[in-house]
Amino acid sequence: MNNQQKIIAVANQKGGVGKTTTTVNLAVGLSMLKKKVLLIDLDPQGNATMACGVDSRDLAVSACELLLQECEATDAVIQADHLDLIGSNTNLTAAELALMEYEEPQLMLTTQLEALSNRYDYILIDCPPSLSILTVNALAAADSVLIPMQCEYYALEGLTSLLDTIDRIKQTVNPNLEIEGLLRTMFDGRNNLANEVAAQISEHFGSKVFTTVVPRNVKVAEAPSFGQSALEYDHLSRGAVAYKGLASEVLRRNNVR
């Protein structure tokens, strides 16, 4: 990769799988490894924004204005503790409806991010837990998709529609879109079903599955309420150590020292 910017969408239409947690902690982990990182919150709930210590209600310019081209991309960027952020709030729900009136609504983010070309090593996009026009915008703009998965009964079943969407995006607007990897999250090794599903995921997807496994960890769950990532809240916790490992693994996979 060298000096080339990489855009990674973190997506899974299933809620509660650790998607926002993964986006925030991977972003902070990469920044701690001396990479310049931009996090884009494309979820109207604004949880990634809040986890970066920014009150989503105080945003003068957000992902809403960015997508509707009511501002320049550079004007939407604010500085958080370890990274740059384009935040989100409930206004993004209105933007989702307004986008449908545009000629190419799926390409609005792609167009806007051209202005940020090569300013960052990594741009991470936190997608909403649905396959909406917001998620499609993220997939159209991204180089790859990172898919967090909880090792539970319906995990593989829920993955099918996301993989179908990724295929459709590849066939239409973004032929270079790849799967960055599947990340097993909230893992409890004492649970037989979790172990069975983890093995199924590895068998089915092979090298696309990250070696890193993120354990179920109370510190990871507590951190956002303090406006911090797990790496800032308790860097020695099992969850934080796992996300540091994930950041290193992402760099290795992209041949970055």
Foldseek 3Di string as FASTA:
>chain_A
DVLFAFEEEEAFLDPDLCRLLLLLLLQLLLLVVVWAEEEAELAQCQLNVLLLVHDQVPQPAAVLCQLVVVDAPVVQWDDGDRHIYRTHHNVSVVSLVVLVVDPCSLQSNLVRCVVVGSVTNYYYYRHYSRCGSSVSNSLLNGLEYEYRFEQADCGVVSVVVVVVSNVVSCVPRNVNYYHLAYEHEQADPVDPSSVVSVVVCCVVPPPRHDPQHAHNFVLQVPSSVVSHRSCVSPCPTSRNVSSSVVSVSSCVVVVHD
